[in-house]
């Protein structure tokens, strides 16, 4: 048996595909070979005890199916997949990623509905692994795992920063719409320091010219 994988590496031999539907508190696993499903879907907790139970069931299903190889597939969306993927890889199991868009399309073809169902999603992921429709992926251990986590953290911080800047714009558009004509952008250090002294147009009007000049001079680092 030869399955041509999307990532370009053929999958040979009798394969047991285990599809995971990953959630926050609990995951669902479904196992299958090309002949069909192997056993019932398994719901397990997203913790060490649950992961150990999953490995036990996988080994049992491997024996039942006579599989030469096991590949566990999942969608790498969000971050809930990280602990279970790392645990499985540490136990010597191969973990593959599937594209969420592919999962959605296959669900629609299966029953003409994209509606989410944990058992259904796990079966679809297993089917994609059997077809070899998995994604090219970088190693998920050591420095590669650290870099991936740092990249994810940076992305989240950038999103949070953008949200904060947008909120500042909305507030100033209401309480001080003239600001953008008077000072550089609100992310500039000078503007930030001035706003710490005078937040509204009324605050500015209450400042003397000398006081405002001193604030601007200090904020810009001028020695004049």
C-alpha atoms as a PDB file:
ATOM      1  CA  UNK A   1       0.000   0.000   0.000  1.00  0.00           C
ATOM      2  CA  UNK A   2       1.327   3.434  -0.969  1.00  0.00           C
ATOM      3  CA  UNK A   3      -0.232   6.741   0.067  1.00  0.00           C
ATOM      4  CA  UNK A   4       1.157   9.870  -1.574  1.00  0.00           C
ATOM      5  CA  UNK A   5       1.449  12.597   1.062  1.00  0.00           C
ATOM      6  CA  UNK A   6       0.873  16.275   0.284  1.00  0.00           C
ATOM      7  CA  UNK A   7       4.189  17.105   1.921  1.00  0.00           C
ATOM      8  CA  UNK A   8       5.873  14.993  -0.751  1.00  0.00           C
ATOM      9  CA  UNK A   9       6.890  12.017   1.388  1.00  0.00           C
ATOM     10  CA  UNK A  10       5.069   8.767   0.534  1.00  0.00           C
ATOM     11  CA  UNK A  11       3.509   6.818   3.384  1.00  0.00           C
ATOM     12  CA  UNK A  12       4.166   3.112   2.956  1.00  0.00           C
ATOM     13  CA  UNK A  13       2.869   0.025   4.705  1.00  0.00           C
ATOM     14  CA  UNK A  14      -0.313  -0.699   6.623  1.00  0.00           C
ATOM     15  CA  UNK A  15      -1.211   2.569   8.343  1.00  0.00           C
ATOM     16  CA  UNK A  16      -3.337   3.220  11.420  1.00  0.00           C
ATOM     17  CA  UNK A  17      -4.447   6.842  11.303  1.00  0.00           C
ATOM     18  CA  UNK A  18      -5.601   8.468  14.540  1.00  0.00           C
ATOM     19  CA  UNK A  19      -7.471  11.730  14.126  1.00  0.00           C
ATOM     20  CA  UNK A  20      -7.726  14.143  17.046  1.00  0.00           C
ATOM     21  CA  UNK A  21     -10.317  16.838  17.599  1.00  0.00           C
ATOM     22  CA  UNK A  22      -8.627  19.173  20.063  1.00  0.00           C
ATOM     23  CA  UNK A  23     -10.461  21.371  22.568  1.00  0.00           C
ATOM     24  CA  UNK A  24      -9.678  23.141  25.839  1.00  0.00           C
ATOM     25  CA  UNK A  25     -10.761  20.584  28.449  1.00  0.00           C
ATOM     26  CA  UNK A  26     -11.058  17.340  26.515  1.00  0.00           C
ATOM     27  CA  UNK A  27     -10.052  15.879  23.160  1.00  0.00           C
ATOM     28  CA  UNK A  28     -11.631  13.217  20.965  1.00  0.00           C
ATOM     29  CA  UNK A  29      -9.698  10.561  19.029  1.00  0.00           C
ATOM     30  CA  UNK A  30     -10.840   8.334  16.179  1.00  0.00           C
ATOM     31  CA  UNK A  31      -8.735   5.522  14.675  1.00  0.00           C
ATOM     32  CA  UNK A  32      -9.051   4.068  11.188  1.00  0.00           C
ATOM     33  CA  UNK A  33      -7.304   2.106   8.455  1.00  0.00           C
ATOM     34  CA  UNK A  34      -8.208   2.022   4.772  1.00  0.00           C
ATOM     35  CA  UNK A  35     -10.591  -0.830   5.629  1.00  0.00           C
ATOM     36  CA  UNK A  36     -12.595   1.402   7.962  1.00  0.00           C
ATOM     37  CA  UNK A  37     -12.895   2.549  11.563  1.00  0.00           C
ATOM     38  CA  UNK A  38     -11.007   0.684  14.284  1.00  0.00           C
ATOM     39  CA  UNK A  39     -13.002   0.767  17.512  1.00  0.00           C
ATOM     40  CA  UNK A  40     -15.165   3.601  18.809  1.00  0.00           C
ATOM     41  CA  UNK A  41     -14.191   7.222  19.243  1.00  0.00           C
ATOM     42  CA  UNK A  42     -12.357   7.992  22.480  1.00  0.00           C
ATOM     43  CA  UNK A  43     -12.978  11.092  24.582  1.00  0.00           C
ATOM     44  CA  UNK A  44     -10.092  11.872  26.942  1.00  0.00           C
ATOM     45  CA  UNK A  45      -9.087  14.711  29.248  1.00  0.00           C
ATOM     46  CA  UNK A  46      -6.516  17.260  28.129  1.00  0.00           C
ATOM     47  CA  UNK A  47      -4.055  16.310  30.872  1.00  0.00           C
ATOM     48  CA  UNK A  48      -1.369  13.711  31.552  1.00  0.00           C
ATOM     49  CA  UNK A  49      -3.837  11.018  32.642  1.00  0.00           C
ATOM     50  CA  UNK A  50      -5.856  11.592  29.499  1.00  0.00           C
ATOM     51  CA  UNK A  51      -2.761  11.467  27.285  1.00  0.00           C
ATOM     52  CA  UNK A  52      -1.655   8.204  28.891  1.00  0.00           C
ATOM     53  CA  UNK A  53      -5.094   6.760  28.246  1.00  0.00           C
ATOM     54  CA  UNK A  54      -4.842   7.840  24.592  1.00  0.00           C
ATOM     55  CA  UNK A  55      -1.472   6.103  24.144  1.00  0.00           C
ATOM     56  CA  UNK A  56      -2.873   2.905  25.701  1.00  0.00           C
ATOM     57  CA  UNK A  57      -5.837   2.930  23.318  1.00  0.00           C
ATOM     58  CA  UNK A  58      -3.604   3.652  20.315  1.00  0.00           C
ATOM     59  CA  UNK A  59      -1.420   0.652  21.134  1.00  0.00           C
ATOM     60  CA  UNK A  60      -4.525  -1.517  21.537  1.00  0.00           C
ATOM     61  CA  UNK A  61      -5.925  -0.346  18.185  1.00  0.00           C
ATOM     62  CA  UNK A  62      -2.524  -0.894  16.559  1.00  0.00           C
ATOM     63  CA  UNK A  63      -2.645  -4.525  17.666  1.00  0.00           C
ATOM     64  CA  UNK A  64      -6.250  -4.957  16.530  1.00  0.00           C
ATOM     65  CA  UNK A  65      -5.518  -3.577  13.070  1.00  0.00           C
ATOM     66  CA  UNK A  66      -2.106  -5.153  12.564  1.00  0.00           C
ATOM     67  CA  UNK A  67      -0.773  -1.739  11.558  1.00  0.00           C
ATOM     68  CA  UNK A  68       2.918  -1.335  10.803  1.00  0.00           C
ATOM     69  CA  UNK A  69       2.810   2.394  11.427  1.00  0.00           C
ATOM     70  CA  UNK A  70       0.725   4.869  13.431  1.00  0.00           C
ATOM     71  CA  UNK A  71       0.266   8.524  12.481  1.00  0.00           C
ATOM     72  CA  UNK A  72      -1.721  10.859  14.737  1.00  0.00           C
ATOM     73  CA  UNK A  73      -3.233  13.808  12.897  1.00  0.00           C
ATOM     74  CA  UNK A  74      -4.588  17.102  14.242  1.00  0.00           C
ATOM     75  CA  UNK A  75      -5.310  20.676  13.217  1.00  0.00           C
ATOM     76  CA  UNK A  76      -2.568  23.021  14.554  1.00  0.00           C
ATOM     77  CA  UNK A  77      -5.012  25.839  15.353  1.00  0.00           C
ATOM     78  CA  UNK A  78      -4.931  27.779  18.609  1.00  0.00           C
ATOM     79  CA  UNK A  79      -2.584  26.358  21.249  1.00  0.00           C
ATOM     80  CA  UNK A  80      -4.486  23.509  22.904  1.00  0.00           C
ATOM     81  CA  UNK A  81      -2.842  20.989  20.562  1.00  0.00           C
ATOM     82  CA  UNK A  82       0.697  21.692  21.824  1.00  0.00           C
ATOM     83  CA  UNK A  83       0.696  19.587  25.060  1.00  0.00           C
ATOM     84  CA  UNK A  84      -0.852  16.496  23.486  1.00  0.00           C
ATOM     85  CA  UNK A  85       1.393  16.707  20.399  1.00  0.00           C
ATOM     86  CA  UNK A  86       4.529  17.007  22.526  1.00  0.00           C
ATOM     87  CA  UNK A  87       3.449  14.144  24.772  1.00  0.00           C
ATOM     88  CA  UNK A  88       2.809  11.844  21.818  1.00  0.00           C
ATOM     89  CA  UNK A  89       6.122  12.706  20.157  1.00  0.00           C
ATOM     90  CA  UNK A  90       7.986  12.086  23.420  1.00  0.00           C
ATOM     91  CA  UNK A  91       6.402   8.625  23.418  1.00  0.00           C
ATOM     92  CA  UNK A  92       7.767   7.972  19.932  1.00  0.00           C
ATOM     93  CA  UNK A  93       4.505   8.463  18.043  1.00  0.00           C
ATOM     94  CA  UNK A  94       4.430  10.349  14.759  1.00  0.00           C
ATOM     95  CA  UNK A  95       2.283  13.484  14.749  1.00  0.00           C
ATOM     96  CA  UNK A  96       1.075  15.085  11.506  1.00  0.00           C
ATOM     97  CA  UNK A  97      -0.803  18.311  10.850  1.00  0.00           C
ATOM     98  CA  UNK A  98      -3.836  18.711   8.617  1.00  0.00           C
ATOM     99  CA  UNK A  99      -5.186  21.883   7.090  1.00  0.00           C
ATOM    100  CA  UNK A 100      -8.349  23.182   8.799  1.00  0.00           C
ATOM    101  CA  UNK A 101      -9.718  24.249   5.399  1.00  0.00           C
ATOM    102  CA  UNK A 102      -9.336  20.677   4.127  1.00  0.00           C
ATOM    103  CA  UNK A 103     -11.167  19.366   7.182  1.00  0.00           C
ATOM    104  CA  UNK A 104     -14.071  21.722   6.525  1.00  0.00           C
ATOM    105  CA  UNK A 105     -14.358  20.732   2.864  1.00  0.00           C
ATOM    106  CA  UNK A 106     -14.284  17.009   3.630  1.00  0.00           C
ATOM    107  CA  UNK A 107     -17.004  17.464   6.279  1.00  0.00           C
ATOM    108  CA  UNK A 108     -19.212  19.163   3.710  1.00  0.00           C
ATOM    109  CA  UNK A 109     -18.669  16.328   1.227  1.00  0.00           C
ATOM    110  CA  UNK A 110     -19.334  13.692   3.916  1.00  0.00           C
ATOM    111  CA  UNK A 111     -22.839  14.829   4.884  1.00  0.00           C
ATOM    112  CA  UNK A 112     -23.398  18.113   3.018  1.00  0.00           C
ATOM    113  CA  UNK A 113     -22.896  20.021   6.270  1.00  0.00           C
ATOM    114  CA  UNK A 114     -19.913  21.971   7.687  1.00  0.00           C
ATOM    115  CA  UNK A 115     -21.377  21.784  11.217  1.00  0.00           C
ATOM    116  CA  UNK A 116     -18.870  20.940  13.930  1.00  0.00           C
ATOM    117  CA  UNK A 117     -19.096  17.667  15.818  1.00  0.00           C
ATOM    118  CA  UNK A 118     -16.171  16.346  17.864  1.00  0.00           C
ATOM    119  CA  UNK A 119     -16.556  12.722  16.768  1.00  0.00           C
ATOM    120  CA  UNK A 120     -17.125  13.746  13.156  1.00  0.00           C
ATOM    121  CA  UNK A 121     -14.107  16.046  13.126  1.00  0.00           C
ATOM    122  CA  UNK A 122     -11.841  13.356  14.573  1.00  0.00           C
ATOM    123  CA  UNK A 123     -12.977  10.883  11.888  1.00  0.00           C
ATOM    124  CA  UNK A 124     -12.383  13.441   9.140  1.00  0.00           C
ATOM    125  CA  UNK A 125      -8.857  14.174  10.394  1.00  0.00           C
ATOM    126  CA  UNK A 126      -8.092  10.439  10.440  1.00  0.00           C
ATOM    127  CA  UNK A 127      -9.377  10.165   6.873  1.00  0.00           C
ATOM    128  CA  UNK A 128      -7.124  13.019   5.726  1.00  0.00           C
ATOM    129  CA  UNK A 129      -4.113  11.300   7.294  1.00  0.00           C
ATOM    130  CA  UNK A 130      -5.017   8.071   5.463  1.00  0.00           C
ATOM    131  CA  UNK A 131      -5.106  10.006   2.199  1.00  0.00           C
ATOM    132  CA  UNK A 132      -1.730  11.500   2.934  1.00  0.00           C
ATOM    133  CA  UNK A 133      -3.179  15.021   3.028  1.00  0.00           C
ATOM    134  CA  UNK A 134      -0.837  16.303   5.728  1.00  0.00           C
ATOM    135  CA  UNK A 135       1.226  19.472   5.932  1.00  0.00           C
ATOM    136  CA  UNK A 136       4.948  20.064   5.827  1.00  0.00           C
ATOM    137  CA  UNK A 137       6.047  20.927   9.334  1.00  0.00           C
ATOM    138  CA  UNK A 138       9.165  21.964  11.190  1.00  0.00           C
ATOM    139  CA  UNK A 139      10.409  19.912  14.151  1.00  0.00           C
ATOM    140  CA  UNK A 140       8.414  20.589  17.319  1.00  0.00           C
ATOM    141  CA  UNK A 141      11.200  19.961  19.809  1.00  0.00           C
ATOM    142  CA  UNK A 142      14.162  21.811  21.266  1.00  0.00           C
ATOM    143  CA  UNK A 143      14.984  25.210  19.840  1.00  0.00           C
ATOM    144  CA  UNK A 144      12.362  24.830  17.106  1.00  0.00           C
ATOM    145  CA  UNK A 145       9.607  24.474  19.694  1.00  0.00           C
ATOM    146  CA  UNK A 146      10.981  27.493  21.591  1.00  0.00           C
ATOM    147  CA  UNK A 147      11.068  29.611  18.429  1.00  0.00           C
ATOM    148  CA  UNK A 148       7.534  28.577  17.510  1.00  0.00           C
ATOM    149  CA  UNK A 149       6.270  29.522  20.965  1.00  0.00           C
ATOM    150  CA  UNK A 150       8.130  32.847  20.895  1.00  0.00           C
ATOM    151  CA  UNK A 151       6.681  33.610  17.476  1.00  0.00           C
ATOM    152  CA  UNK A 152       3.198  32.844  18.760  1.00  0.00           C
ATOM    153  CA  UNK A 153       3.795  35.066  21.799  1.00  0.00           C
ATOM    154  CA  UNK A 154       5.079  37.922  19.629  1.00  0.00           C
ATOM    155  CA  UNK A 155       2.014  37.686  17.397  1.00  0.00           C
ATOM    156  CA  UNK A 156      -0.286  37.892  20.418  1.00  0.00           C
ATOM    157  CA  UNK A 157       1.596  40.917  21.803  1.00  0.00           C
ATOM    158  CA  UNK A 158       1.415  42.675  18.429  1.00  0.00           C
ATOM    159  CA  UNK A 159      -2.340  42.092  18.295  1.00  0.00           C
ATOM    160  CA  UNK A 160      -2.766  43.385  21.866  1.00  0.00           C
ATOM    161  CA  UNK A 161      -0.624  46.449  21.122  1.00  0.00           C
ATOM    162  CA  UNK A 162      -2.613  47.237  17.990  1.00  0.00           C
ATOM    163  CA  UNK A 163      -5.841  46.942  19.986  1.00  0.00           C
ATOM    164  CA  UNK A 164      -4.517  49.336  22.650  1.00  0.00           C
ATOM    165  CA  UNK A 165      -3.459  51.903  20.052  1.00  0.00           C
ATOM    166  CA  UNK A 166      -6.861  51.714  18.373  1.00  0.00           C
ATOM    167  CA  UNK A 167      -8.600  52.264  21.716  1.00  0.00           C
ATOM    168  CA  UNK A 168      -6.410  55.315  22.360  1.00  0.00           C
ATOM    169  CA  UNK A 169      -7.353  56.719  18.959  1.00  0.00           C
ATOM    170  CA  UNK A 170     -11.054  56.243  19.649  1.00  0.00           C
ATOM    171  CA  UNK A 171     -10.822  57.951  23.054  1.00  0.00           C
ATOM    172  CA  UNK A 172      -8.819  60.910  21.761  1.00  0.00           C
ATOM    173  CA  UNK A 173     -11.143  61.327  18.769  1.00  0.00           C
ATOM    174  CA  UNK A 174     -13.880  61.986  21.322  1.00  0.00           C
ATOM    175  CA  UNK A 175     -12.143  63.974  24.077  1.00  0.00           C
ATOM    176  CA  UNK A 176      -9.353  65.709  22.103  1.00  0.00           C
ATOM    177  CA  UNK A 177      -9.853  65.560  18.301  1.00  0.00           C
ATOM    178  CA  UNK A 178      -7.442  68.475  17.759  1.00  0.00           C
ATOM    179  CA  UNK A 179      -4.464  66.531  19.091  1.00  0.00           C
ATOM    180  CA  UNK A 180      -3.389  65.050  15.759  1.00  0.00           C
ATOM    181  CA  UNK A 181      -2.958  68.549  14.315  1.00  0.00           C
ATOM    182  CA  UNK A 182      -0.819  69.678  17.263  1.00  0.00           C
ATOM    183  CA  UNK A 183       1.510  66.776  18.011  1.00  0.00           C
ATOM    184  CA  UNK A 184       3.090  63.702  16.332  1.00  0.00           C
ATOM    185  CA  UNK A 185       1.268  60.372  16.402  1.00  0.00           C
ATOM    186  CA  UNK A 186       0.056  59.070  19.744  1.00  0.00           C
ATOM    187  CA  UNK A 187       2.715  56.337  19.723  1.00  0.00           C
ATOM    188  CA  UNK A 188       5.524  58.919  19.705  1.00  0.00           C
ATOM    189  CA  UNK A 189       7.321  59.445  23.010  1.00  0.00           C
ATOM    190  CA  UNK A 190       6.800  63.225  22.934  1.00  0.00           C
ATOM    191  CA  UNK A 191       3.046  62.839  22.529  1.00  0.00           C
ATOM    192  CA  UNK A 192       2.903  60.224  25.292  1.00  0.00           C
ATOM    193  CA  UNK A 193       4.700  62.520  27.747  1.00  0.00           C
ATOM    194  CA  UNK A 194       2.497  65.499  26.870  1.00  0.00           C
ATOM    195  CA  UNK A 195      -0.641  63.410  27.294  1.00  0.00           C
ATOM    196  CA  UNK A 196       0.546  62.365  30.762  1.00  0.00           C
ATOM    197  CA  UNK A 197       0.356  66.078  31.698  1.00  0.00           C
ATOM    198  CA  UNK A 198      -2.694  67.149  29.709  1.00  0.00           C
ATOM    199  CA  UNK A 199      -5.199  64.564  28.462  1.00  0.00           C
ATOM    200  CA  UNK A 200      -7.981  66.775  27.106  1.00  0.00           C
ATOM    201  CA  UNK A 201      -8.234  70.041  25.211  1.00  0.00           C
ATOM    202  CA  UNK A 202      -9.405  71.666  28.449  1.00  0.00           C
ATOM    203  CA  UNK A 203      -6.215  70.523  30.194  1.00  0.00           C
ATOM    204  CA  UNK A 204      -4.150  72.143  27.453  1.00  0.00           C
ATOM    205  CA  UNK A 205      -6.052  75.422  27.739  1.00  0.00           C
ATOM    206  CA  UNK A 206      -5.325  75.531  31.448  1.00  0.00           C
ATOM    207  CA  UNK A 207      -1.567  75.264  30.840  1.00  0.00           C
ATOM    208  CA  UNK A 208       0.422  78.484  30.546  1.00  0.00           C
ATOM    209  CA  UNK A 209       2.541  78.944  27.421  1.00  0.00           C
ATOM    210  CA  UNK A 210       5.669  78.692  29.541  1.00  0.00           C
ATOM    211  CA  UNK A 211       4.524  75.449  31.160  1.00  0.00           C
ATOM    212  CA  UNK A 212       3.538  73.920  27.810  1.00  0.00           C
ATOM    213  CA  UNK A 213       6.859  74.989  26.246  1.00  0.00           C
ATOM    214  CA  UNK A 214       8.747  73.366  29.113  1.00  0.00           C
ATOM    215  CA  UNK A 215       6.782  70.124  28.742  1.00  0.00           C
ATOM    216  CA  UNK A 216       7.451  70.025  24.998  1.00  0.00           C
ATOM    217  CA  UNK A 217      11.133  70.853  25.472  1.00  0.00           C
ATOM    218  CA  UNK A 218      11.621  68.164  28.113  1.00  0.00           C
ATOM    219  CA  UNK A 219       9.673  65.627  26.090  1.00  0.00           C
ATOM    220  CA  UNK A 220      11.713  66.237  22.949  1.00  0.00           C
ATOM    221  CA  UNK A 221      15.007  66.210  24.849  1.00  0.00           C
ATOM    222  CA  UNK A 222      15.865  69.720  23.651  1.00  0.00           C
ATOM    223  CA  UNK A 223      18.443  71.784  25.503  1.00  0.00           C
ATOM    224  CA  UNK A 224      17.012  75.048  24.225  1.00  0.00           C
END
